[in-house]
Amino acid sequence: MYARCGKRIADVVGAALLLAALAPVMAVVAVMVRIALGAPVLFRQDRAGLGGAPFTLLKFRTMRDGPGEDAARLTPMGRLLRRFALDELPQLVNVLRGEMSLVGPRPLPIAYLDRYTPREALRLSVRPGLAGLAQAAGRNAVGWAERLELDARYATTPPYLLRDAAILRRCAILALTGRGASAPGHATMPELTTDRI
């Protein structure tokens, strides 16, 4: 039975295998980021994990430092990395650390914690994931209302291997095709507000 402990074992084995397989790709991306944006290569930000506890999310940098809207700071290389989800690969380290799972609701900023409805807050009852049910439905092209409902639905359904495998496969296809990398009319994803769209 694919219980919580089985899911954790699958996370560790899967993340370790993916890190080994994708190490050359990550090395190339790291060099590209270093040349285009300088140091540091990694972007670190506190996100809400299991139970809302903060952890440091790792990503390859895609934006220039400084003030301004995401669209203005996002570099052409950054757009490419985001389109194919290559900026997310360092989160495999978060999975190995136990801060994330391969599959689960995407980790969102700490500032969003008081913006969830009780139903939406159920997403915090499971580890956040590298891929999620909402991402499988269309990545950032999925609006906040649908996205948070899908997260809650995932969190309240007992874990099972075939579902997680299907989510990973669907997310991999979307990443390879570059679809859904940004919300309509936005460079990335608009900020979550109490008005769901």
Protein backbone atom coordinates (compact mmCIF):
# COMPACT_ATOMS: atom_id res chain seq x y z
CA MET A 1 0.00 0.00 0.00
CA TYR A 2 1.28 3.43 -0.97
CA ALA A 3 1.02 4.97 2.50
CA ARG A 4 2.83 8.07 3.79
CA CYS A 5 6.04 6.18 4.54
CA GLY A 6 5.97 4.56 1.10
CA LYS A 7 5.51 7.98 -0.48
CA ARG A 8 8.55 9.28 1.39
CA ILE A 9 10.68 6.34 0.22
CA ALA A 10 9.51 6.98 -3.35
CA ASP A 11 10.42 10.65 -2.95
CA VAL A 12 13.96 9.92 -1.77
CA VAL A 13 14.65 7.27 -4.42
CA GLY A 14 13.03 9.30 -7.19
CA ALA A 15 14.77 12.55 -6.27
CA ALA A 16 18.17 10.84 -6.01
CA LEU A 17 17.74 9.17 -9.42
CA LEU A 18 16.55 12.40 -11.03
CA LEU A 19 19.43 14.38 -9.55
CA ALA A 20 21.91 11.86 -10.92
CA ALA A 21 20.27 11.78 -14.35
CA LEU A 22 19.82 15.54 -14.61
CA ALA A 23 23.18 16.57 -13.12
CA PRO A 24 24.64 17.49 -16.56
CA VAL A 25 21.57 19.60 -17.39
CA MET A 26 21.74 21.34 -14.02
CA ALA A 27 25.44 22.04 -14.50
CA VAL A 28 24.78 23.69 -17.87
CA VAL A 29 21.92 25.75 -16.43
CA ALA A 30 24.11 26.84 -13.50
CA VAL A 31 26.81 28.07 -15.90
CA MET A 32 24.21 29.92 -18.00
CA VAL A 33 22.81 31.66 -14.93
CA ARG A 34 26.29 32.55 -13.66
CA ILE A 35 27.21 34.13 -16.99
CA ALA A 36 23.91 35.97 -17.47
CA LEU A 37 23.18 37.10 -13.90
CA GLY A 38 26.36 36.56 -11.89
CA ALA A 39 26.39 35.16 -8.38
CA PRO A 40 24.52 33.69 -6.65
CA VAL A 41 23.29 31.08 -9.09
CA LEU A 42 20.48 29.93 -6.80
CA PHE A 43 17.43 31.90 -5.69
CA ARG A 44 16.38 31.17 -2.11
CA GLN A 45 13.04 32.11 -0.61
CA ASP A 46 11.11 31.07 2.47
CA ARG A 47 7.97 29.15 1.55
CA ALA A 48 5.26 27.45 3.60
CA GLY A 49 5.79 23.72 3.98
CA LEU A 50 3.98 20.97 5.84
CA GLY A 51 1.72 22.52 8.47
CA GLY A 52 2.72 25.98 7.27
CA ALA A 53 6.25 25.62 8.68
CA PRO A 54 8.74 27.74 6.71
CA PHE A 55 11.55 26.21 4.69
CA THR A 56 14.00 27.62 2.15
CA LEU A 57 12.97 26.86 -1.42
CA LEU A 58 15.76 26.52 -3.99
CA LYS A 59 15.50 27.61 -7.63
CA PHE A 60 17.85 28.73 -10.35
CA ARG A 61 17.75 32.52 -10.65
CA THR A 62 15.71 33.84 -13.56
CA MET A 63 15.38 37.54 -12.64
CA ARG A 64 17.69 40.49 -12.16
CA ASP A 65 17.98 41.84 -8.64
CA GLY A 66 16.34 45.10 -7.68
CA PRO A 67 12.91 46.72 -7.63
CA GLY A 68 10.33 46.48 -10.35
CA GLU A 69 7.69 44.16 -11.72
CA ASP A 70 8.53 40.53 -12.51
CA ALA A 71 8.06 41.17 -16.22
CA ALA A 72 10.75 43.85 -16.20
CA ARG A 73 13.26 41.83 -14.16
CA LEU A 74 12.74 38.50 -15.92
CA THR A 75 15.58 37.90 -18.38
CA PRO A 76 15.18 36.19 -21.79
CA MET A 77 17.20 33.27 -20.42
CA GLY A 78 14.95 33.27 -17.35
CA ARG A 79 11.87 33.02 -19.54
CA LEU A 80 13.40 30.02 -21.26
CA LEU A 81 14.23 28.31 -17.97
CA ARG A 82 10.74 28.96 -16.62
CA ARG A 83 9.05 27.83 -19.81
CA PHE A 84 10.60 24.37 -19.53
CA ALA A 85 10.61 24.33 -15.68
CA LEU A 86 14.41 24.04 -15.60
CA ASP A 87 14.56 26.68 -12.85
CA GLU A 88 12.73 24.27 -10.54
CA LEU A 89 15.30 21.44 -10.70
CA PRO A 90 17.21 22.47 -7.51
CA GLN A 91 14.04 21.62 -5.57
CA LEU A 92 15.03 17.98 -5.90
CA VAL A 93 17.40 18.85 -3.04
CA ASN A 94 14.39 20.11 -1.05
CA VAL A 95 12.75 16.74 -1.71
CA LEU A 96 15.80 14.84 -0.42
CA ARG A 97 15.82 17.02 2.70
CA GLY A 98 12.21 16.07 3.42
CA GLU A 99 10.94 19.63 2.99
CA MET A 100 9.07 18.73 -0.19
CA SER A 101 7.65 15.73 -2.01
CA LEU A 102 7.88 14.90 -5.69
CA VAL A 103 4.11 15.35 -5.87
CA GLY A 104 2.02 17.71 -3.79
CA PRO A 105 0.64 21.28 -3.78
CA ARG A 106 3.25 23.77 -4.96
CA PRO A 107 4.87 25.63 -2.02
CA LEU A 108 3.64 29.21 -1.84
CA PRO A 109 5.04 32.27 0.00
CA ILE A 110 4.64 32.59 3.77
CA ALA A 111 2.70 35.83 3.22
CA TYR A 112 -0.17 33.85 1.68
CA LEU A 113 -0.91 31.84 4.84
CA ASP A 114 -3.59 34.21 6.13
CA ARG A 115 -5.23 34.49 2.69
CA TYR A 116 -6.49 30.90 2.49
CA THR A 117 -10.05 29.87 3.20
CA PRO A 118 -10.37 26.92 5.63
CA ARG A 119 -10.85 24.63 2.62
CA GLU A 120 -7.78 26.00 0.86
CA ALA A 121 -5.67 25.72 4.02
CA LEU A 122 -6.02 21.93 3.74
CA ARG A 123 -3.18 22.11 1.21
CA LEU A 124 -0.86 22.59 4.19
CA SER A 125 -1.72 19.15 5.59
CA VAL A 126 0.63 17.45 3.11
CA ARG A 127 4.20 18.17 2.01
CA PRO A 128 4.41 20.65 -0.86
CA GLY A 129 5.51 19.15 -4.15
CA LEU A 130 7.73 19.66 -7.14
CA ALA A 131 4.68 18.76 -9.25
CA GLY A 132 1.05 19.01 -8.26
CA LEU A 133 -2.49 18.28 -9.38
CA ALA A 134 -2.99 21.97 -10.22
CA GLN A 135 0.21 22.02 -12.29
CA ALA A 136 -0.92 18.91 -14.14
CA ALA A 137 -4.12 20.78 -15.01
CA GLY A 138 -2.18 23.53 -16.78
CA ARG A 139 0.61 24.98 -14.61
CA ASN A 140 0.30 28.77 -14.16
CA ALA A 141 -2.46 29.01 -16.77
CA VAL A 142 -4.78 27.69 -14.02
CA GLY A 143 -6.36 30.53 -12.01
CA TRP A 144 -6.05 30.77 -8.24
CA ALA A 145 -9.56 29.56 -7.40
CA GLU A 146 -9.22 26.34 -9.40
CA ARG A 147 -5.60 25.87 -8.39
CA LEU A 148 -6.27 26.05 -4.66
CA GLU A 149 -9.30 23.79 -4.96
CA LEU A 150 -7.21 21.18 -6.77
CA ASP A 151 -4.58 21.46 -4.03
CA ALA A 152 -7.23 20.87 -1.35
CA ARG A 153 -8.62 17.93 -3.31
CA TYR A 154 -5.16 16.35 -3.52
CA ALA A 155 -4.54 16.89 0.19
CA THR A 156 -7.81 15.23 1.21
CA THR A 157 -7.38 12.16 -0.99
CA PRO A 158 -5.38 9.20 0.36
CA PRO A 159 -2.02 8.97 -1.45
CA TYR A 160 -1.55 6.30 -4.07
CA LEU A 161 1.26 5.58 -6.49
CA LEU A 162 -0.64 5.55 -9.79
CA ARG A 163 -2.15 8.99 -9.18
CA ASP A 164 1.23 10.51 -8.31
CA ALA A 165 2.86 8.83 -11.31
CA ALA A 166 0.15 10.23 -13.60
CA ILE A 167 0.62 13.73 -12.17
CA LEU A 168 4.39 13.55 -12.67
CA ARG A 169 3.95 12.31 -16.24
CA ARG A 170 1.47 15.06 -17.10
CA CYS A 171 3.67 17.77 -15.54
CA ALA A 172 6.71 16.44 -17.40
CA ILE A 173 4.81 16.64 -20.71
CA LEU A 174 3.71 20.22 -19.99
CA ALA A 175 7.27 21.20 -19.05
CA LEU A 176 8.74 19.62 -22.17
CA THR A 177 6.24 21.44 -24.38
CA GLY A 178 6.62 24.70 -22.46
CA ARG A 179 2.87 25.17 -22.01
CA GLY A 180 1.36 27.03 -19.07
CA ALA A 181 4.56 28.65 -17.81
CA SER A 182 2.81 31.96 -17.17
CA ALA A 183 -0.67 33.11 -16.32
CA PRO A 184 -2.56 34.86 -19.13
CA GLY A 185 -1.46 38.49 -19.22
CA HIS A 186 1.35 37.99 -16.70
CA ALA A 187 5.06 37.21 -16.86
CA THR A 188 4.69 34.54 -14.18
CA MET A 189 1.76 34.15 -11.75
CA PRO A 190 -0.13 37.09 -10.24
CA GLU A 191 -0.08 37.55 -6.49
CA LEU A 192 -2.73 35.68 -4.52
CA THR A 193 -5.37 38.03 -3.13
CA THR A 194 -8.64 37.39 -1.35
CA ASP A 195 -10.42 37.90 -4.68
CA ARG A 196 -10.16 34.53 -6.40
CA ILE A 197 -9.82 34.53 -10.18
